[in-house]
């Protein structure tokens, strides 16, 4: 992949992230239920963020959705990993 293509790819995905997440409010944070995880073909369960517009953000291990993934939360006071369960 040449440098221009890499920049175009990064710009595209930055735009997608902003379009879907910027300005949204997290209304609920929870873990997937066992039934939801089974329905996705996963053995582990990850964090789900429910947004004010009805969208949900589900943490997965990779682009292909092979299993649940951990979420790293950073702030000025602490660092916490919300693990798969």
PDB file of N, CA and C in Angstrom:
ATOM      1  N   UNK A   1       0.853  -1.166   0.000  1.00  0.00           N
ATOM      2  CA  UNK A   1       0.000   0.000   0.000  1.00  0.00           C
ATOM      3  C   UNK A   1       0.906   1.238   0.000  1.00  0.00           C
ATOM      4  N   UNK A   2       0.700   2.135  -0.947  1.00  0.00           N
ATOM      5  CA  UNK A   2       1.539   3.334  -0.998  1.00  0.00           C
ATOM      6  C   UNK A   2       1.097   4.348   0.058  1.00  0.00           C
ATOM      7  N   UNK A   3       1.914   5.354   0.298  1.00  0.00           N
ATOM      8  CA  UNK A   3       1.660   6.323   1.366  1.00  0.00           C
ATOM      9  C   UNK A   3       0.349   7.085   1.157  1.00  0.00           C
ATOM     10  N   UNK A   4       0.038   7.455  -0.088  1.00  0.00           N
ATOM     11  CA  UNK A   4      -1.205   8.171  -0.357  1.00  0.00           C
ATOM     12  C   UNK A   4      -2.415   7.308   0.021  1.00  0.00           C
ATOM     13  N   UNK A   5      -2.368   6.053  -0.350  1.00  0.00           N
ATOM     14  CA  UNK A   5      -3.466   5.147  -0.034  1.00  0.00           C
ATOM     15  C   UNK A   5      -3.605   4.995   1.479  1.00  0.00           C
ATOM     16  N   UNK A   6      -2.482   4.895   2.195  1.00  0.00           N
ATOM     17  CA  UNK A   6      -2.532   4.794   3.658  1.00  0.00           C
ATOM     18  C   UNK A   6      -3.188   6.033   4.258  1.00  0.00           C
ATOM     19  N   UNK A   7      -2.820   7.215   3.752  1.00  0.00           N
ATOM     20  CA  UNK A   7      -3.415   8.456   4.261  1.00  0.00           C
ATOM     21  C   UNK A   7      -4.902   8.503   3.942  1.00  0.00           C
ATOM     22  N   UNK A   8      -5.267   8.093   2.729  1.00  0.00           N
ATOM     23  CA  UNK A   8      -6.682   8.077   2.345  1.00  0.00           C
ATOM     24  C   UNK A   8      -7.470   7.110   3.233  1.00  0.00           C
ATOM     25  N   UNK A   9      -6.897   5.963   3.509  1.00  0.00           N
ATOM     26  CA  UNK A   9      -7.548   4.968   4.357  1.00  0.00           C
ATOM     27  C   UNK A   9      -7.733   5.515   5.765  1.00  0.00           C
ATOM     28  N   UNK A  10      -6.692   6.125   6.310  1.00  0.00           N
ATOM     29  CA  UNK A  10      -6.798   6.688   7.656  1.00  0.00           C
ATOM     30  C   UNK A  10      -7.829   7.809   7.701  1.00  0.00           C
ATOM     31  N   UNK A  11      -7.824   8.670   6.707  1.00  0.00           N
ATOM     32  CA  UNK A  11      -8.794   9.767   6.657  1.00  0.00           C
ATOM     33  C   UNK A  11     -10.220   9.223   6.575  1.00  0.00           C
ATOM     34  N   UNK A  12     -10.425   8.213   5.744  1.00  0.00           N
ATOM     35  CA  UNK A  12     -11.747   7.615   5.609  1.00  0.00           C
ATOM     36  C   UNK A  12     -12.234   7.066   6.938  1.00  0.00           C
ATOM     37  N   UNK A  13     -11.392   6.289   7.633  1.00  0.00           N
ATOM     38  CA  UNK A  13     -11.830   5.671   8.880  1.00  0.00           C
ATOM     39  C   UNK A  13     -11.960   6.688  10.006  1.00  0.00           C
ATOM     40  N   UNK A  14     -11.150   7.742   9.992  1.00  0.00           N
ATOM     41  CA  UNK A  14     -11.346   8.828  10.951  1.00  0.00           C
ATOM     42  C   UNK A  14     -12.705   9.489  10.730  1.00  0.00           C
ATOM     43  N   UNK A  15     -13.075   9.691   9.474  1.00  0.00           N
ATOM     44  CA  UNK A  15     -14.384  10.273   9.157  1.00  0.00           C
ATOM     45  C   UNK A  15     -15.517   9.347   9.616  1.00  0.00           C
ATOM     46  N   UNK A  16     -15.366   8.056   9.399  1.00  0.00           N
ATOM     47  CA  UNK A  16     -16.388   7.093   9.823  1.00  0.00           C
ATOM     48  C   UNK A  16     -16.545   7.088  11.336  1.00  0.00           C
ATOM     49  N   UNK A  17     -15.417   7.090  12.054  1.00  0.00           N
ATOM     50  CA  UNK A  17     -15.470   7.099  13.517  1.00  0.00           C
ATOM     51  C   UNK A  17     -16.179   8.360  14.012  1.00  0.00           C
ATOM     52  N   UNK A  18     -15.828   9.490  13.444  1.00  0.00           N
ATOM     53  CA  UNK A  18     -16.451  10.754  13.849  1.00  0.00           C
ATOM     54  C   UNK A  18     -17.947  10.754  13.522  1.00  0.00           C
ATOM     55  N   UNK A  19     -18.303  10.283  12.349  1.00  0.00           N
ATOM     56  CA  UNK A  19     -19.703  10.288  11.924  1.00  0.00           C
ATOM     57  C   UNK A  19     -20.577   9.426  12.830  1.00  0.00           C
ATOM     58  N   UNK A  20     -20.031   8.321  13.308  1.00  0.00           N
ATOM     59  CA  UNK A  20     -20.837   7.388  14.095  1.00  0.00           C
ATOM     60  C   UNK A  20     -20.728   7.597  15.601  1.00  0.00           C
ATOM     61  N   UNK A  21     -19.637   8.235  16.069  1.00  0.00           N
ATOM     62  CA  UNK A  21     -19.413   8.300  17.511  1.00  0.00           C
ATOM     63  C   UNK A  21     -19.316   9.702  18.100  1.00  0.00           C
ATOM     64  N   UNK A  22     -18.790  10.659  17.337  1.00  0.00           N
ATOM     65  CA  UNK A  22     -18.578  12.001  17.883  1.00  0.00           C
ATOM     66  C   UNK A  22     -19.906  12.634  18.301  1.00  0.00           C
ATOM     67  N   UNK A  23     -19.937  13.179  19.495  1.00  0.00           N
ATOM     68  CA  UNK A  23     -21.122  13.852  19.994  1.00  0.00           C
ATOM     69  C   UNK A  23     -22.183  12.937  20.572  1.00  0.00           C
ATOM     70  N   UNK A  24     -22.003  11.645  20.460  1.00  0.00           N
ATOM     71  CA  UNK A  24     -22.971  10.690  20.992  1.00  0.00           C
ATOM     72  C   UNK A  24     -22.830  10.625  22.507  1.00  0.00           C
ATOM     73  N   UNK A  25     -23.859  10.192  23.164  1.00  0.00           N
ATOM     74  CA  UNK A  25     -23.848   9.992  24.600  1.00  0.00           C
ATOM     75  C   UNK A  25     -24.055   8.514  24.886  1.00  0.00           C
ATOM     76  N   UNK A  26     -23.244   7.973  25.784  1.00  0.00           N
ATOM     77  CA  UNK A  26     -23.424   6.587  26.201  1.00  0.00           C
ATOM     78  C   UNK A  26     -24.566   6.565  27.206  1.00  0.00           C
ATOM     79  N   UNK A  27     -25.618   5.863  26.853  1.00  0.00           N
ATOM     80  CA  UNK A  27     -26.790   5.777  27.725  1.00  0.00           C
ATOM     81  C   UNK A  27     -26.711   4.587  28.668  1.00  0.00           C
ATOM     82  N   UNK A  28     -26.003   3.553  28.254  1.00  0.00           N
ATOM     83  CA  UNK A  28     -25.896   2.350  29.082  1.00  0.00           C
ATOM     84  C   UNK A  28     -24.610   1.634  28.716  1.00  0.00           C
ATOM     85  N   UNK A  29     -23.934   1.105  29.723  1.00  0.00           N
ATOM     86  CA  UNK A  29     -22.751   0.263  29.517  1.00  0.00           C
ATOM     87  C   UNK A  29     -23.014  -1.055  30.235  1.00  0.00           C
ATOM     88  N   UNK A  30     -22.756  -2.138  29.531  1.00  0.00           N
ATOM     89  CA  UNK A  30     -23.037  -3.466  30.086  1.00  0.00           C
ATOM     90  C   UNK A  30     -22.176  -4.488  29.362  1.00  0.00           C
ATOM     91  N   UNK A  31     -22.245  -5.721  29.790  1.00  0.00           N
ATOM     92  CA  UNK A  31     -21.608  -6.825  29.073  1.00  0.00           C
ATOM     93  C   UNK A  31     -22.662  -7.545  28.234  1.00  0.00           C
ATOM     94  N   UNK A  32     -22.229  -8.148  27.142  1.00  0.00           N
ATOM     95  CA  UNK A  32     -23.109  -9.012  26.359  1.00  0.00           C
ATOM     96  C   UNK A  32     -23.694 -10.079  27.269  1.00  0.00           C
ATOM     97  N   UNK A  33     -24.920 -10.451  27.021  1.00  0.00           N
ATOM     98  CA  UNK A  33     -25.489 -11.594  27.740  1.00  0.00           C
ATOM     99  C   UNK A  33     -24.892 -12.875  27.149  1.00  0.00           C
ATOM    100  N   UNK A  34     -25.048 -13.955  27.859  1.00  0.00           N
ATOM    101  CA  UNK A  34     -24.548 -15.235  27.338  1.00  0.00           C
ATOM    102  C   UNK A  34     -25.252 -15.582  26.027  1.00  0.00           C
ATOM    103  N   UNK A  35     -26.538 -15.310  25.945  1.00  0.00           N
ATOM    104  CA  UNK A  35     -27.298 -15.609  24.719  1.00  0.00           C
ATOM    105  C   UNK A  35     -26.811 -14.753  23.552  1.00  0.00           C
ATOM    106  N   UNK A  36     -26.536 -13.469  23.800  1.00  0.00           N
ATOM    107  CA  UNK A  36     -26.030 -12.594  22.741  1.00  0.00           C
ATOM    108  C   UNK A  36     -24.669 -13.083  22.233  1.00  0.00           C
ATOM    109  N   UNK A  37     -23.798 -13.450  23.163  1.00  0.00           N
ATOM    110  CA  UNK A  37     -22.471 -13.943  22.773  1.00  0.00           C
ATOM    111  C   UNK A  37     -22.591 -15.228  21.950  1.00  0.00           C
ATOM    112  N   UNK A  38     -23.442 -16.135  22.400  1.00  0.00           N
ATOM    113  CA  UNK A  38     -23.670 -17.383  21.636  1.00  0.00           C
ATOM    114  C   UNK A  38     -24.181 -17.065  20.240  1.00  0.00           C
ATOM    115  N   UNK A  39     -25.095 -16.104  20.137  1.00  0.00           N
ATOM    116  CA  UNK A  39     -25.655 -15.723  18.845  1.00  0.00           C
ATOM    117  C   UNK A  39     -24.606 -15.176  17.890  1.00  0.00           C
ATOM    118  N   UNK A  40     -23.531 -14.633  18.436  1.00  0.00           N
ATOM    119  CA  UNK A  40     -22.444 -14.113  17.609  1.00  0.00           C
ATOM    120  C   UNK A  40     -21.372 -15.177  17.353  1.00  0.00           C
ATOM    121  N   UNK A  41     -21.570 -16.354  17.944  1.00  0.00           N
ATOM    122  CA  UNK A  41     -20.590 -17.427  17.785  1.00  0.00           C
ATOM    123  C   UNK A  41     -19.355 -17.225  18.648  1.00  0.00           C
ATOM    124  N   UNK A  42     -19.501 -16.441  19.714  1.00  0.00           N
ATOM    125  CA  UNK A  42     -18.368 -16.135  20.593  1.00  0.00           C
ATOM    126  C   UNK A  42     -18.406 -16.998  21.842  1.00  0.00           C
ATOM    127  N   UNK A  43     -17.202 -17.257  22.389  1.00  0.00           N
ATOM    128  CA  UNK A  43     -17.074 -17.999  23.639  1.00  0.00           C
ATOM    129  C   UNK A  43     -16.985 -17.046  24.827  1.00  0.00           C
ATOM    130  N   UNK A  44     -16.534 -15.824  24.587  1.00  0.00           N
ATOM    131  CA  UNK A  44     -16.370 -14.829  25.648  1.00  0.00           C
ATOM    132  C   UNK A  44     -17.373 -13.692  25.443  1.00  0.00           C
ATOM    133  N   UNK A  45     -17.523 -12.859  26.473  1.00  0.00           N
ATOM    134  CA  UNK A  45     -18.448 -11.730  26.402  1.00  0.00           C
ATOM    135  C   UNK A  45     -17.692 -10.431  26.628  1.00  0.00           C
ATOM    136  N   UNK A  46     -18.037  -9.412  25.864  1.00  0.00           N
ATOM    137  CA  UNK A  46     -17.357  -8.123  25.950  1.00  0.00           C
ATOM    138  C   UNK A  46     -18.325  -7.014  26.337  1.00  0.00           C
ATOM    139  N   UNK A  47     -17.756  -5.830  26.506  1.00  0.00           N
ATOM    140  CA  UNK A  47     -18.522  -4.645  26.854  1.00  0.00           C
ATOM    141  C   UNK A  47     -19.387  -4.207  25.668  1.00  0.00           C
ATOM    142  N   UNK A  48     -20.588  -3.741  25.983  1.00  0.00           N
ATOM    143  CA  UNK A  48     -21.506  -3.156  25.011  1.00  0.00           C
ATOM    144  C   UNK A  48     -21.803  -1.734  25.476  1.00  0.00           C
ATOM    145  N   UNK A  49     -21.657  -0.767  24.582  1.00  0.00           N
ATOM    146  CA  UNK A  49     -22.017   0.612  24.874  1.00  0.00           C
ATOM    147  C   UNK A  49     -23.257   0.943  24.058  1.00  0.00           C
ATOM    148  N   UNK A  50     -24.339   1.301  24.736  1.00  0.00           N
ATOM    149  CA  UNK A  50     -25.576   1.671  24.065  1.00  0.00           C
ATOM    150  C   UNK A  50     -25.621   3.190  23.975  1.00  0.00           C
ATOM    151  N   UNK A  51     -25.764   3.707  22.758  1.00  0.00           N
ATOM    152  CA  UNK A  51     -25.704   5.137  22.518  1.00  0.00           C
ATOM    153  C   UNK A  51     -27.091   5.773  22.456  1.00  0.00           C
ATOM    154  N   UNK A  52     -27.109   7.091  22.562  1.00  0.00           N
ATOM    155  CA  UNK A  52     -28.362   7.848  22.596  1.00  0.00           C
ATOM    156  C   UNK A  52     -29.167   7.775  21.308  1.00  0.00           C
ATOM    157  N   UNK A  53     -28.553   7.394  20.203  1.00  0.00           N
ATOM    158  CA  UNK A  53     -29.264   7.307  18.934  1.00  0.00           C
ATOM    159  C   UNK A  53     -29.734   5.881  18.624  1.00  0.00           C
ATOM    160  N   UNK A  54     -29.592   4.982  19.612  1.00  0.00           N
ATOM    161  CA  UNK A  54     -30.025   3.600  19.428  1.00  0.00           C
ATOM    162  C   UNK A  54     -28.936   2.666  18.931  1.00  0.00           C
ATOM    163  N   UNK A  55     -27.801   3.214  18.521  1.00  0.00           N
ATOM    164  CA  UNK A  55     -26.683   2.382  18.077  1.00  0.00           C
ATOM    165  C   UNK A  55     -26.031   1.700  19.273  1.00  0.00           C
ATOM    166  N   UNK A  56     -25.408   0.570  19.023  1.00  0.00           N
ATOM    167  CA  UNK A  56     -24.624  -0.109  20.055  1.00  0.00           C
ATOM    168  C   UNK A  56     -23.208  -0.302  19.553  1.00  0.00           C
ATOM    169  N   UNK A  57     -22.255  -0.188  20.466  1.00  0.00           N
ATOM    170  CA  UNK A  57     -20.846  -0.416  20.166  1.00  0.00           C
ATOM    171  C   UNK A  57     -20.456  -1.664  20.938  1.00  0.00           C
ATOM    172  N   UNK A  58     -19.984  -2.675  20.211  1.00  0.00           N
ATOM    173  CA  UNK A  58     -19.600  -3.946  20.819  1.00  0.00           C
ATOM    174  C   UNK A  58     -18.114  -4.155  20.570  1.00  0.00           C
ATOM    175  N   UNK A  59     -17.363  -4.396  21.634  1.00  0.00           N
ATOM    176  CA  UNK A  59     -15.924  -4.585  21.519  1.00  0.00           C
ATOM    177  C   UNK A  59     -15.650  -6.011  21.051  1.00  0.00           C
ATOM    178  N   UNK A  60     -14.913  -6.127  19.939  1.00  0.00           N
ATOM    179  CA  UNK A  60     -14.554  -7.450  19.433  1.00  0.00           C
ATOM    180  C   UNK A  60     -13.049  -7.556  19.278  1.00  0.00           C
ATOM    181  N   UNK A  61     -12.558  -8.786  19.171  1.00  0.00           N
ATOM    182  CA  UNK A  61     -11.123  -9.038  19.201  1.00  0.00           C
ATOM    183  C   UNK A  61     -10.392  -8.626  17.929  1.00  0.00           C
ATOM    184  N   UNK A  62     -11.100  -8.578  16.810  1.00  0.00           N
ATOM    185  CA  UNK A  62     -10.453  -8.229  15.547  1.00  0.00           C
ATOM    186  C   UNK A  62     -11.496  -7.775  14.528  1.00  0.00           C
ATOM    187  N   UNK A  63     -11.020  -7.366  13.350  1.00  0.00           N
ATOM    188  CA  UNK A  63     -11.911  -6.866  12.298  1.00  0.00           C
ATOM    189  C   UNK A  63     -12.925  -7.895  11.821  1.00  0.00           C
ATOM    190  N   UNK A  64     -12.599  -9.174  11.971  1.00  0.00           N
ATOM    191  CA  UNK A  64     -13.476 -10.231  11.475  1.00  0.00           C
ATOM    192  C   UNK A  64     -14.521 -10.663  12.499  1.00  0.00           C
ATOM    193  N   UNK A  65     -14.450 -10.126  13.699  1.00  0.00           N
ATOM    194  CA  UNK A  65     -15.425 -10.479  14.732  1.00  0.00           C
ATOM    195  C   UNK A  65     -15.282 -11.893  15.241  1.00  0.00           C
ATOM    196  N   UNK A  66     -14.035 -12.362  15.363  1.00  0.00           N
ATOM    197  CA  UNK A  66     -13.796 -13.744  15.777  1.00  0.00           C
ATOM    198  C   UNK A  66     -14.145 -14.036  17.234  1.00  0.00           C
ATOM    199  N   UNK A  67     -14.125 -13.045  18.086  1.00  0.00           N
ATOM    200  CA  UNK A  67     -14.520 -13.231  19.479  1.00  0.00           C
ATOM    201  C   UNK A  67     -14.580 -11.866  20.158  1.00  0.00           C
ATOM    202  N   UNK A  68     -14.973 -11.873  21.401  1.00  0.00           N
ATOM    203  CA  UNK A  68     -15.063 -10.644  22.183  1.00  0.00           C
ATOM    204  C   UNK A  68     -13.669 -10.086  22.454  1.00  0.00           C
ATOM    205  N   UNK A  69     -13.607  -8.790  22.762  1.00  0.00           N
ATOM    206  CA  UNK A  69     -12.327  -8.156  23.055  1.00  0.00           C
ATOM    207  C   UNK A  69     -12.392  -7.324  24.321  1.00  0.00           C
ATOM    208  N   UNK A  70     -11.227  -7.050  24.881  1.00  0.00           N
ATOM    209  CA  UNK A  70     -11.117  -6.226  26.085  1.00  0.00           C
ATOM    210  C   UNK A  70     -11.162  -4.754  25.703  1.00  0.00           C
ATOM    211  N   UNK A  71     -11.527  -3.920  26.661  1.00  0.00           N
ATOM    212  CA  UNK A  71     -11.612  -2.479  26.449  1.00  0.00           C
ATOM    213  C   UNK A  71     -10.692  -1.794  27.448  1.00  0.00           C
ATOM    214  N   UNK A  72      -9.783  -0.978  26.956  1.00  0.00           N
ATOM    215  CA  UNK A  72      -8.879  -0.209  27.801  1.00  0.00           C
ATOM    216  C   UNK A  72      -9.491   1.158  28.043  1.00  0.00           C
ATOM    217  N   UNK A  73      -9.644   1.523  29.315  1.00  0.00           N
ATOM    218  CA  UNK A  73     -10.209   2.817  29.692  1.00  0.00           C
ATOM    219  C   UNK A  73      -9.102   3.615  30.375  1.00  0.00           C
ATOM    220  N   UNK A  74      -8.784   4.774  29.811  1.00  0.00           N
ATOM    221  CA  UNK A  74      -7.740   5.640  30.364  1.00  0.00           C
ATOM    222  C   UNK A  74      -8.349   6.962  30.793  1.00  0.00           C
ATOM    223  N   UNK A  75      -7.934   7.451  31.937  1.00  0.00           N
ATOM    224  CA  UNK A  75      -8.253   8.812  32.337  1.00  0.00           C
ATOM    225  C   UNK A  75      -7.086   9.332  33.166  1.00  0.00           C
ATOM    226  N   UNK A  76      -7.174  10.545  33.651  1.00  0.00           N
ATOM    227  CA  UNK A  76      -6.057  11.160  34.366  1.00  0.00           C
ATOM    228  C   UNK A  76      -5.750  10.480  35.688  1.00  0.00           C
ATOM    229  N   UNK A  77      -6.718   9.810  36.274  1.00  0.00           N
ATOM    230  CA  UNK A  77      -6.537   9.198  37.583  1.00  0.00           C
ATOM    231  C   UNK A  77      -6.182   7.719  37.540  1.00  0.00           C
ATOM    232  N   UNK A  78      -6.614   7.032  36.498  1.00  0.00           N
ATOM    233  CA  UNK A  78      -6.465   5.579  36.515  1.00  0.00           C
ATOM    234  C   UNK A  78      -6.487   4.992  35.111  1.00  0.00           C
ATOM    235  N   UNK A  79      -6.097   3.763  35.059  1.00  0.00           N
ATOM    236  CA  UNK A  79      -6.172   2.960  33.843  1.00  0.00           C
ATOM    237  C   UNK A  79      -6.842   1.657  34.254  1.00  0.00           C
ATOM    238  N   UNK A  80      -7.843   1.267  33.506  1.00  0.00           N
ATOM    239  CA  UNK A  80      -8.542   0.020  33.819  1.00  0.00           C
ATOM    240  C   UNK A  80      -8.791  -0.741  32.525  1.00  0.00           C
ATOM    241  N   UNK A  81      -8.681  -2.032  32.619  1.00  0.00           N
ATOM    242  CA  UNK A  81      -9.035  -2.921  31.518  1.00  0.00           C
ATOM    243  C   UNK A  81     -10.384  -3.539  31.879  1.00  0.00           C
ATOM    244  N   UNK A  82     -11.354  -3.390  30.989  1.00  0.00           N
ATOM    245  CA  UNK A  82     -12.619  -4.107  31.137  1.00  0.00           C
ATOM    246  C   UNK A  82     -12.441  -5.380  30.313  1.00  0.00           C
ATOM    247  N   UNK A  83     -12.219  -6.514  30.978  1.00  0.00           N
ATOM    248  CA  UNK A  83     -11.828  -7.739  30.285  1.00  0.00           C
ATOM    249  C   UNK A  83     -13.019  -8.433  29.621  1.00  0.00           C
ATOM    250  N   UNK A  84     -12.717  -9.432  28.828  1.00  0.00           N
ATOM    251  CA  UNK A  84     -13.764 -10.339  28.369  1.00  0.00           C
ATOM    252  C   UNK A  84     -14.115 -11.222  29.550  1.00  0.00           C
ATOM    253  N   UNK A  85     -15.380 -11.658  29.594  1.00  0.00           N
ATOM    254  CA  UNK A  85     -15.798 -12.549  30.687  1.00  0.00           C
ATOM    255  C   UNK A  85     -16.445 -13.780  30.114  1.00  0.00           C
TER     256      UNK A  85
END
